């Protein structure tokens, strides 16, 4: 199974917006940033911690006394980024640095714009470069820059109401390369075939196929073509809506054990009401139109009930 064309690759882009409530301490910190002011919080030992934390790192006691610090400070340590990634603070080379602001006892992490060349150094004096229209986010500080750079900081403003919520986009982009076994499986899907691999020792059939049997640790061999029908082992009724959802809840995500397989895979179950889905229900694949097929499990749009009698629990009990 491992011989043949090169393994398949595909770019993957995973992203979502992470929303959280800030609480009283971080809420006031963010409100300060919107006014071009930076605050820390005083700990039980008298140190000023920047950014502020809600609980004392030594005693775990709640902290409430905010202390305004300067928007200038000293680079404590740093690392140079010669090839910035997408969505990083600067599109040109810059440094990530730990900066101890004047009046603070702990450093904060931020970007330092050191110009076209690597001019950052430990002990370097820097000041905050503010966004033209601050909105109560850490990105209100665009970056830090050398304190001797021409220009200066705009005058701070009046602090408004605490910021209560924050939404931060999370993005991960990478290229995924699948194993030769999975590549064979995905190319089979493009032909409308469901291909698994068998362990020569225990005889278990895995779909998608694996390079080695997780039970015996020996390489899988051969090719096992499986039917596109099977039984539901376990399932979940999705009732909560979320961004990007293509089906209106409630609907069912279920583990389907194909006839002849020894491991189930997760897929969508439609064709009946969500409350009618049950363990042991017999289902079959509903394929997308052939012209839409590719090297993906999305070729199967969903599974639907066959109307056959339920499989006895004993037949799938070892595959839950």
Protein backbone atom coordinates (compact mmCIF):
# COMPACT_ATOMS: atom_id res chain seq x y z
CA UNK A 1 0.00 0.00 0.00
CA UNK A 2 2.93 2.35 0.63
CA UNK A 3 4.22 2.19 -2.97
CA UNK A 4 2.90 4.51 -5.65
CA UNK A 5 2.39 8.27 -6.01
CA UNK A 6 3.82 10.75 -3.53
CA UNK A 7 1.80 11.49 -0.40
CA UNK A 8 -0.87 14.16 -0.73
CA UNK A 9 -0.43 17.66 0.68
CA UNK A 10 -2.91 20.46 1.31
CA UNK A 11 -2.78 23.92 2.89
CA UNK A 12 -4.91 24.18 6.02
CA UNK A 13 -6.29 27.41 7.45
CA UNK A 14 -7.86 27.08 10.89
CA UNK A 15 -9.33 30.19 12.49
CA UNK A 16 -11.90 31.36 14.98
CA UNK A 17 -12.71 34.44 17.04
CA UNK A 18 -12.01 33.92 20.73
CA UNK A 19 -14.30 36.09 22.90
CA UNK A 20 -13.81 36.47 26.64
CA UNK A 21 -14.98 38.72 29.46
CA UNK A 22 -12.19 40.80 30.99
CA UNK A 23 -13.20 41.33 34.59
CA UNK A 24 -12.57 44.48 36.66
CA UNK A 25 -8.75 44.57 36.54
CA UNK A 26 -8.07 43.86 32.86
CA UNK A 27 -11.18 45.85 31.96
CA UNK A 28 -9.65 48.98 33.52
CA UNK A 29 -6.25 48.18 31.97
CA UNK A 30 -7.82 48.09 28.50
CA UNK A 31 -9.78 51.28 29.17
CA UNK A 32 -6.47 52.91 30.09
CA UNK A 33 -4.92 51.81 26.80
CA UNK A 34 -7.82 53.44 24.95
CA UNK A 35 -6.73 56.69 26.67
CA UNK A 36 -3.04 56.05 25.83
CA UNK A 37 -2.20 55.21 29.43
CA UNK A 38 -0.51 52.04 30.74
CA UNK A 39 -1.36 50.61 34.15
CA UNK A 40 0.03 47.89 36.34
CA UNK A 41 -1.29 46.51 39.61
CA UNK A 42 0.44 46.63 42.98
CA UNK A 43 1.15 43.24 44.55
CA UNK A 44 1.23 42.34 48.22
CA UNK A 45 5.03 42.75 48.23
CA UNK A 46 4.78 46.28 46.81
CA UNK A 47 5.93 45.39 43.31
CA UNK A 48 4.04 46.85 40.33
CA UNK A 49 3.10 44.09 37.90
CA UNK A 50 2.63 45.03 34.23
CA UNK A 51 0.40 43.95 32.58
CA UNK A 52 -1.82 43.75 35.68
CA UNK A 53 -3.00 40.43 37.03
CA UNK A 54 -6.15 39.75 39.01
CA UNK A 55 -4.53 37.68 41.75
CA UNK A 56 -1.23 38.03 43.57
CA UNK A 57 1.31 35.50 42.17
CA UNK A 58 2.72 34.94 45.68
CA UNK A 59 -0.37 34.88 47.91
CA UNK A 60 -3.22 34.38 45.39
CA UNK A 61 -5.03 37.29 47.08
CA UNK A 62 -7.19 39.52 44.80
CA UNK A 63 -5.38 42.63 43.55
CA UNK A 64 -7.23 45.89 42.91
CA UNK A 65 -4.78 48.82 43.25
CA UNK A 66 -3.93 49.97 39.72
CA UNK A 67 -0.77 52.05 39.27
CA UNK A 68 -0.06 54.12 36.17
CA UNK A 69 3.42 53.60 34.73
CA UNK A 70 5.35 55.37 32.00
CA UNK A 71 5.05 54.54 28.33
CA UNK A 72 8.85 54.41 28.20
CA UNK A 73 11.10 51.65 29.43
CA UNK A 74 14.12 49.40 28.98
CA UNK A 75 14.54 46.25 26.89
CA UNK A 76 15.39 43.39 29.25
CA UNK A 77 15.70 40.63 26.64
CA UNK A 78 14.71 40.16 23.00
CA UNK A 79 14.66 37.94 19.93
CA UNK A 80 14.92 39.10 16.34
CA UNK A 81 12.25 38.22 13.73
CA UNK A 82 13.88 38.45 10.31
CA UNK A 83 10.88 37.12 8.38
CA UNK A 84 7.61 38.30 9.97
CA UNK A 85 4.57 36.10 9.59
CA UNK A 86 1.14 37.28 8.47
CA UNK A 87 -0.79 39.26 11.10
CA UNK A 88 2.27 39.97 13.23
CA UNK A 89 2.61 43.56 14.50
CA UNK A 90 5.03 44.64 11.75
CA UNK A 91 5.48 43.51 8.15
CA UNK A 92 9.23 44.26 8.24
CA UNK A 93 11.89 42.68 10.48
CA UNK A 94 11.38 43.51 14.15
CA UNK A 95 12.11 42.20 17.64
CA UNK A 96 9.91 40.56 20.23
CA UNK A 97 11.14 42.00 23.50
CA UNK A 98 10.50 41.96 27.23
CA UNK A 99 10.28 45.63 28.21
CA UNK A 100 10.34 46.90 31.80
CA UNK A 101 8.44 50.19 31.77
CA UNK A 102 9.54 52.96 34.09
CA UNK A 103 7.62 52.51 37.32
CA UNK A 104 7.08 48.78 36.75
CA UNK A 105 8.85 45.89 38.43
CA UNK A 106 8.05 43.21 35.82
CA UNK A 107 8.58 43.32 32.04
CA UNK A 108 5.84 43.08 29.42
CA UNK A 109 6.12 41.41 26.04
CA UNK A 110 5.69 43.53 22.93
CA UNK A 111 7.18 44.26 19.52
CA UNK A 112 10.09 46.67 19.02
CA UNK A 113 10.49 48.45 15.68
CA UNK A 114 14.27 48.75 15.44
CA UNK A 115 14.35 50.03 11.88
CA UNK A 116 15.55 48.31 8.71
CA UNK A 117 18.49 46.69 10.49
CA UNK A 118 18.91 44.73 13.69
CA UNK A 119 19.61 47.65 16.06
CA UNK A 120 17.85 46.34 19.15
CA UNK A 121 19.94 45.55 22.20
CA UNK A 122 19.53 44.65 25.85
CA UNK A 123 19.33 47.88 27.84
CA UNK A 124 17.92 49.82 24.88
CA UNK A 125 15.53 52.60 25.87
CA UNK A 126 12.17 52.47 24.06
CA UNK A 127 8.78 54.16 24.14
CA UNK A 128 5.31 53.11 23.04
CA UNK A 129 4.06 53.98 19.57
CA UNK A 130 0.30 54.39 19.87
CA UNK A 131 -2.34 53.51 17.30
CA UNK A 132 -4.02 56.55 15.70
CA UNK A 133 -7.40 55.49 17.07
CA UNK A 134 -6.99 53.36 20.22
CA UNK A 135 -9.98 51.18 21.06
CA UNK A 136 -9.16 49.41 24.32
CA UNK A 137 -6.95 46.55 23.10
CA UNK A 138 -3.31 45.60 23.62
CA UNK A 139 -2.82 46.51 19.94
CA UNK A 140 -3.49 50.13 20.88
CA UNK A 141 0.28 50.00 21.42
CA UNK A 142 1.33 49.37 17.83
CA UNK A 143 4.87 48.60 18.98
CA UNK A 144 7.78 50.18 20.85
CA UNK A 145 10.51 52.22 19.16
CA UNK A 146 13.85 53.74 20.11
CA UNK A 147 13.37 56.61 22.52
CA UNK A 148 15.71 58.83 20.49
CA UNK A 149 13.58 58.49 17.38
CA UNK A 150 12.13 61.85 16.27
CA UNK A 151 8.59 62.54 17.38
CA UNK A 152 6.88 61.72 20.62
CA UNK A 153 3.82 60.25 22.20
CA UNK A 154 0.45 61.99 21.84
CA UNK A 155 -1.05 63.39 25.01
CA UNK A 156 -2.99 60.85 27.08
CA UNK A 157 -6.75 61.22 27.38
CA UNK A 158 -9.41 60.69 29.99
CA UNK A 159 -10.06 57.08 30.97
CA UNK A 160 -13.58 55.91 30.22
CA UNK A 161 -15.64 52.98 31.42
CA UNK A 162 -13.88 49.62 31.82
CA UNK A 163 -13.83 47.41 28.75
CA UNK A 164 -15.98 44.36 29.50
CA UNK A 165 -15.44 42.03 26.52
CA UNK A 166 -12.59 41.28 24.15
CA UNK A 167 -12.60 39.37 20.87
CA UNK A 168 -9.27 38.08 19.59
CA UNK A 169 -8.94 36.27 16.24
CA UNK A 170 -6.96 33.03 16.40
CA UNK A 171 -5.41 31.84 13.14
CA UNK A 172 -3.26 28.86 12.23
CA UNK A 173 -2.04 28.28 8.67
CA UNK A 174 0.13 25.33 7.72
CA UNK A 175 0.68 22.68 5.06
CA UNK A 176 -0.42 19.18 6.04
CA UNK A 177 1.16 16.10 4.48
CA UNK A 178 -0.68 12.82 5.01
CA UNK A 179 0.91 9.39 5.21
CA UNK A 180 1.20 7.14 2.16
CA UNK A 181 -1.60 4.99 3.62
CA UNK A 182 -3.95 7.92 4.06
CA UNK A 183 -3.03 9.24 0.60
CA UNK A 184 -4.14 5.91 -0.84
CA UNK A 185 -7.38 6.17 1.13
CA UNK A 186 -8.04 9.76 -0.06
CA UNK A 187 -7.35 8.86 -3.70
CA UNK A 188 -9.81 6.00 -3.27
CA UNK A 189 -12.47 8.46 -2.08
CA UNK A 190 -11.98 10.41 -5.32
CA UNK A 191 -13.07 7.19 -7.07
CA UNK A 192 -16.01 6.58 -4.75
CA UNK A 193 -14.21 3.80 -2.85
CA UNK A 194 -13.72 3.38 0.90
CA UNK A 195 -10.32 1.77 1.46
CA UNK A 196 -8.94 0.45 4.73
CA UNK A 197 -5.84 -1.40 5.82
CA UNK A 198 -5.56 -4.71 7.69
CA UNK A 199 -3.22 -5.77 10.49
CA UNK A 200 -1.63 -9.10 9.46
CA UNK A 201 -1.42 -10.24 13.08
CA UNK A 202 -4.78 -9.45 14.71
CA UNK A 203 -6.77 -9.03 11.49
CA UNK A 204 -8.29 -5.68 12.47
CA UNK A 205 -9.28 -3.37 9.62
CA UNK A 206 -8.62 0.35 10.05
CA UNK A 207 -10.23 3.16 8.03
CA UNK A 208 -8.59 5.50 7.35
CA UNK A 209 -5.71 3.01 7.08
CA UNK A 210 -2.73 3.38 9.39
CA UNK A 211 0.93 2.69 8.85
CA UNK A 212 0.99 0.32 11.81
CA UNK A 213 -1.58 -1.47 13.94
CA UNK A 214 -1.91 0.37 17.30
CA UNK A 215 -2.72 -2.95 18.99
CA UNK A 216 0.20 -5.05 17.74
CA UNK A 217 2.63 -2.43 16.43
CA UNK A 218 3.16 -4.21 13.11
CA UNK A 219 2.76 -2.56 9.69
CA UNK A 220 -0.65 -2.89 8.08
CA UNK A 221 -0.73 -4.65 4.74
CA UNK A 222 -2.91 -4.93 1.70
CA UNK A 223 -6.03 -3.04 0.74
CA UNK A 224 -9.52 -3.70 2.11
CA UNK A 225 -12.43 -2.12 0.25
CA UNK A 226 -15.35 -1.50 2.58
CA UNK A 227 -19.02 -0.88 1.82
CA UNK A 228 -20.54 2.57 2.35
CA UNK A 229 -22.99 1.38 5.00
CA UNK A 230 -22.66 0.43 8.62
CA UNK A 231 -23.94 1.09 12.14
CA UNK A 232 -23.94 4.04 14.53
CA UNK A 233 -21.91 3.25 17.66
CA UNK A 234 -22.15 6.54 19.57
CA UNK A 235 -23.47 9.98 18.67
CA UNK A 236 -23.96 13.56 19.82
CA UNK A 237 -26.93 15.84 19.18
CA UNK A 238 -25.63 19.33 18.37
CA UNK A 239 -27.96 21.97 19.79
CA UNK A 240 -25.62 24.98 20.06
CA UNK A 241 -25.15 27.28 17.04
CA UNK A 242 -21.65 28.50 16.17
CA UNK A 243 -19.95 30.62 13.51
CA UNK A 244 -19.63 28.89 10.14
CA UNK A 245 -22.23 26.22 10.91
CA UNK A 246 -23.80 25.02 7.66
CA UNK A 247 -26.72 23.17 9.22
CA UNK A 248 -29.27 24.62 11.63
CA UNK A 249 -29.35 22.75 14.97
CA UNK A 250 -30.42 20.31 16.16
CA UNK A 251 -28.51 17.74 14.12
CA UNK A 252 -26.43 14.66 14.83
CA UNK A 253 -22.70 13.94 14.59
CA UNK A 254 -22.17 10.21 14.95
CA UNK A 255 -19.45 7.59 14.87
CA UNK A 256 -20.20 5.20 12.02
CA UNK A 257 -18.69 1.72 12.01
CA UNK A 258 -18.66 0.47 8.42
CA UNK A 259 -19.43 -3.20 7.92
CA UNK A 260 -16.12 -5.05 8.02
CA UNK A 261 -14.22 -2.25 9.80
CA UNK A 262 -12.84 -2.31 13.33
CA UNK A 263 -12.80 1.41 13.98
CA UNK A 264 -15.61 3.97 13.46
CA UNK A 265 -15.22 7.46 12.00
CA UNK A 266 -17.16 10.64 12.68
CA UNK A 267 -19.72 11.95 10.21
CA UNK A 268 -23.03 13.73 9.90
CA UNK A 269 -26.35 11.85 10.18
CA UNK A 270 -29.41 13.32 8.45
CA UNK A 271 -32.59 11.91 6.97
CA UNK A 272 -34.46 11.64 10.24
CA UNK A 273 -35.20 13.73 13.30
CA UNK A 274 -32.29 14.14 15.69
CA UNK A 275 -34.19 12.47 18.53
CA UNK A 276 -34.71 9.35 16.38
CA UNK A 277 -30.98 8.64 16.07
CA UNK A 278 -29.80 5.83 18.36
CA UNK A 279 -26.92 3.45 18.96
CA UNK A 280 -27.13 0.45 16.67
CA UNK A 281 -29.03 2.29 13.92
CA UNK A 282 -28.11 1.07 10.44
CA UNK A 283 -27.05 3.88 8.07
CA UNK A 284 -25.75 4.32 4.52
CA UNK A 285 -23.66 7.03 2.87
CA UNK A 286 -25.27 9.75 0.76
CA UNK A 287 -22.63 10.84 -1.74
CA UNK A 288 -22.19 14.26 -3.29
CA UNK A 289 -22.69 14.50 -7.07
CA UNK A 290 -19.75 12.78 -8.76
CA UNK A 291 -18.55 15.99 -10.42
CA UNK A 292 -17.92 17.41 -6.93
CA UNK A 293 -15.72 14.54 -5.76
CA UNK A 294 -12.15 15.16 -4.67
CA UNK A 295 -9.61 13.55 -2.39
CA UNK A 296 -11.71 14.21 0.71
CA UNK A 297 -14.27 12.55 2.97
CA UNK A 298 -16.58 15.44 2.09
CA UNK A 299 -17.43 13.36 -0.99
CA UNK A 300 -19.91 11.75 1.42
CA UNK A 301 -22.38 14.50 2.25
CA UNK A 302 -23.90 12.61 5.18
CA UNK A 303 -25.25 9.25 6.33
CA UNK A 304 -28.94 8.41 6.51
CA UNK A 305 -30.95 5.53 8.06
CA UNK A 306 -31.40 2.44 5.89
CA UNK A 307 -34.62 1.35 7.59
CA UNK A 308 -33.08 -2.02 8.53
CA UNK A 309 -33.39 -3.49 11.99
CA UNK A 310 -30.90 -2.16 14.52
CA UNK A 311 -27.66 -4.05 14.99
CA UNK A 312 -27.41 -5.92 18.31
CA UNK A 313 -25.25 -4.15 20.88
CA UNK A 314 -22.85 -7.08 21.07
CA UNK A 315 -21.91 -6.59 17.41
CA UNK A 316 -20.36 -3.18 18.01
CA UNK A 317 -19.76 -3.12 21.79
CA UNK A 318 -15.98 -3.50 21.33
CA UNK A 319 -15.85 -0.50 18.95
CA UNK A 320 -17.31 2.27 21.13
